[in-house]
Amino acid sequence: MYIHKIHNSQLNNNVYTCDKLTLFQRAQSFHMSKTKLLNIRIEPELKKKAKKLAEADGRSLSNWVTKLIASKVESAEDNTAEKKN
């Protein structure tokens, strides 16, 4: 990877570019992911158990919880759709 230093006279500072994107743009794209952050409170023992289950499934705790929520949402949507029919 090549990093180039370029002086930006309009901003009167140095901009570092990397593979056609500035490092600033790369940092921005990192924070503009397609996912959203969900903060929850959980009992320490429950978190410990969930983490063990996630590891046993080969997933991070975050990914495991996301998949669990997605499964429950899909199930609830299916039940709602059945009730409408």
C-alpha atoms as a PDB file:
ATOM      1  CA  MET A   1       0.000   0.000   0.000  1.00  0.00           C
ATOM      2  CA  TYR A   2       1.322   3.395  -0.945  1.00  0.00           C
ATOM      3  CA  ILE A   3       0.604   6.522   1.046  1.00  0.00           C
ATOM      4  CA  HIS A   4       1.233   9.892  -0.556  1.00  0.00           C
ATOM      5  CA  LYS A   5       1.441  13.224   1.216  1.00  0.00           C
ATOM      6  CA  ILE A   6      -0.208  16.101  -0.629  1.00  0.00           C
ATOM      7  CA  HIS A   7      -0.451  19.695   0.577  1.00  0.00           C
ATOM      8  CA  ASN A   8      -3.974  21.049   0.305  1.00  0.00           C
ATOM      9  CA  SER A   9      -3.596  24.817  -0.082  1.00  0.00           C
ATOM     10  CA  GLN A  10      -7.316  25.475   0.391  1.00  0.00           C
ATOM     11  CA  LEU A  11      -7.290  23.871   3.843  1.00  0.00           C
ATOM     12  CA  ASN A  12      -3.680  24.847   4.505  1.00  0.00           C
ATOM     13  CA  ASN A  13      -2.816  21.371   5.715  1.00  0.00           C
ATOM     14  CA  ASN A  14      -1.505  18.064   4.491  1.00  0.00           C
ATOM     15  CA  VAL A  15      -3.778  15.361   3.137  1.00  0.00           C
ATOM     16  CA  TYR A  16      -2.608  11.784   2.932  1.00  0.00           C
ATOM     17  CA  THR A  17      -3.982   9.721   0.083  1.00  0.00           C
ATOM     18  CA  CYS A  18      -4.052   5.967  -0.114  1.00  0.00           C
ATOM     19  CA  ASP A  19      -5.175   3.987  -3.166  1.00  0.00           C
ATOM     20  CA  LYS A  20      -7.138   6.921  -4.604  1.00  0.00           C
ATOM     21  CA  LEU A  21      -9.034   7.635  -1.362  1.00  0.00           C
ATOM     22  CA  THR A  22      -7.878   9.986   1.320  1.00  0.00           C
ATOM     23  CA  LEU A  23      -7.404   8.463   4.744  1.00  0.00           C
ATOM     24  CA  PHE A  24     -10.149  10.820   5.920  1.00  0.00           C
ATOM     25  CA  GLN A  25     -12.557   9.356   3.348  1.00  0.00           C
ATOM     26  CA  ARG A  26     -11.628   5.835   4.429  1.00  0.00           C
ATOM     27  CA  ALA A  27     -12.295   6.736   8.056  1.00  0.00           C
ATOM     28  CA  GLN A  28     -15.650   8.236   7.086  1.00  0.00           C
ATOM     29  CA  SER A  29     -16.668   5.136   5.133  1.00  0.00           C
ATOM     30  CA  PHE A  30     -15.809   2.986   8.156  1.00  0.00           C
ATOM     31  CA  HIS A  31     -18.250   4.941  10.297  1.00  0.00           C
ATOM     32  CA  MET A  32     -20.921   4.942   7.606  1.00  0.00           C
ATOM     33  CA  SER A  33     -21.507   1.204   7.632  1.00  0.00           C
ATOM     34  CA  LYS A  34     -24.826  -0.370   6.773  1.00  0.00           C
ATOM     35  CA  THR A  35     -25.344  -1.494  10.361  1.00  0.00           C
ATOM     36  CA  LYS A  36     -26.440   0.455  13.402  1.00  0.00           C
ATOM     37  CA  LEU A  37     -25.184   0.243  16.952  1.00  0.00           C
ATOM     38  CA  LEU A  38     -27.555  -1.152  19.604  1.00  0.00           C
ATOM     39  CA  ASN A  39     -26.586  -0.649  23.234  1.00  0.00           C
ATOM     40  CA  ILE A  40     -28.308  -2.939  25.714  1.00  0.00           C
ATOM     41  CA  ARG A  41     -27.963  -3.744  29.396  1.00  0.00           C
ATOM     42  CA  ILE A  42     -27.609  -7.422  30.243  1.00  0.00           C
ATOM     43  CA  GLU A  43     -26.921  -9.375  33.416  1.00  0.00           C
ATOM     44  CA  PRO A  44     -23.258 -10.420  33.583  1.00  0.00           C
ATOM     45  CA  GLU A  45     -24.090 -14.135  33.956  1.00  0.00           C
ATOM     46  CA  LEU A  46     -26.436 -14.072  30.960  1.00  0.00           C
ATOM     47  CA  LYS A  47     -23.771 -12.337  28.883  1.00  0.00           C
ATOM     48  CA  LYS A  48     -21.216 -14.963  29.901  1.00  0.00           C
ATOM     49  CA  LYS A  49     -23.560 -17.792  28.880  1.00  0.00           C
ATOM     50  CA  ALA A  50     -24.429 -16.100  25.589  1.00  0.00           C
ATOM     51  CA  LYS A  51     -20.751 -15.539  24.816  1.00  0.00           C
ATOM     52  CA  LYS A  52     -19.998 -19.243  25.392  1.00  0.00           C
ATOM     53  CA  LEU A  53     -22.832 -20.233  23.083  1.00  0.00           C
ATOM     54  CA  ALA A  54     -21.647 -17.778  20.436  1.00  0.00           C
ATOM     55  CA  GLU A  55     -18.094 -19.110  20.625  1.00  0.00           C
ATOM     56  CA  ALA A  56     -19.374 -22.679  20.360  1.00  0.00           C
ATOM     57  CA  ASP A  57     -21.213 -21.597  17.204  1.00  0.00           C
ATOM     58  CA  GLY A  58     -18.035 -19.989  15.817  1.00  0.00           C
ATOM     59  CA  ARG A  59     -19.475 -16.479  15.993  1.00  0.00           C
ATOM     60  CA  SER A  60     -18.767 -13.260  17.821  1.00  0.00           C
ATOM     61  CA  LEU A  61     -21.276 -12.358  20.507  1.00  0.00           C
ATOM     62  CA  SER A  62     -22.469  -9.430  18.398  1.00  0.00           C
ATOM     63  CA  ASN A  63     -23.020 -11.628  15.343  1.00  0.00           C
ATOM     64  CA  TRP A  64     -24.701 -14.340  17.411  1.00  0.00           C
ATOM     65  CA  VAL A  65     -27.139 -11.865  19.003  1.00  0.00           C
ATOM     66  CA  THR A  66     -27.845 -10.286  15.607  1.00  0.00           C
ATOM     67  CA  LYS A  67     -28.675 -13.699  14.111  1.00  0.00           C
ATOM     68  CA  LEU A  68     -30.870 -14.499  17.122  1.00  0.00           C
ATOM     69  CA  ILE A  69     -32.815 -11.249  16.757  1.00  0.00           C
ATOM     70  CA  ALA A  70     -33.154 -11.756  12.990  1.00  0.00           C
ATOM     71  CA  SER A  71     -34.537 -15.243  13.576  1.00  0.00           C
ATOM     72  CA  LYS A  72     -37.104 -13.981  16.089  1.00  0.00           C
ATOM     73  CA  VAL A  73     -38.153 -11.107  13.813  1.00  0.00           C
ATOM     74  CA  GLU A  74     -38.594 -13.476  10.857  1.00  0.00           C
ATOM     75  CA  SER A  75     -40.649 -15.858  13.004  1.00  0.00           C
ATOM     76  CA  ALA A  76     -42.847 -13.023  14.271  1.00  0.00           C
ATOM     77  CA  GLU A  77     -43.366 -11.731  10.722  1.00  0.00           C
ATOM     78  CA  ASP A  78     -44.338 -15.242   9.556  1.00  0.00           C
ATOM     79  CA  ASN A  79     -46.845 -15.545  12.412  1.00  0.00           C
ATOM     80  CA  THR A  80     -48.317 -12.133  11.576  1.00  0.00           C
ATOM     81  CA  ALA A  81     -48.635 -13.067   7.893  1.00  0.00           C
ATOM     82  CA  GLU A  82     -50.386 -16.365   8.795  1.00  0.00           C
ATOM     83  CA  LYS A  83     -52.885 -14.536  11.002  1.00  0.00           C
ATOM     84  CA  LYS A  84     -53.784 -12.199   8.119  1.00  0.00           C
ATOM     85  CA  ASN A  85     -54.543 -15.153   5.808  1.00  0.00           C
END
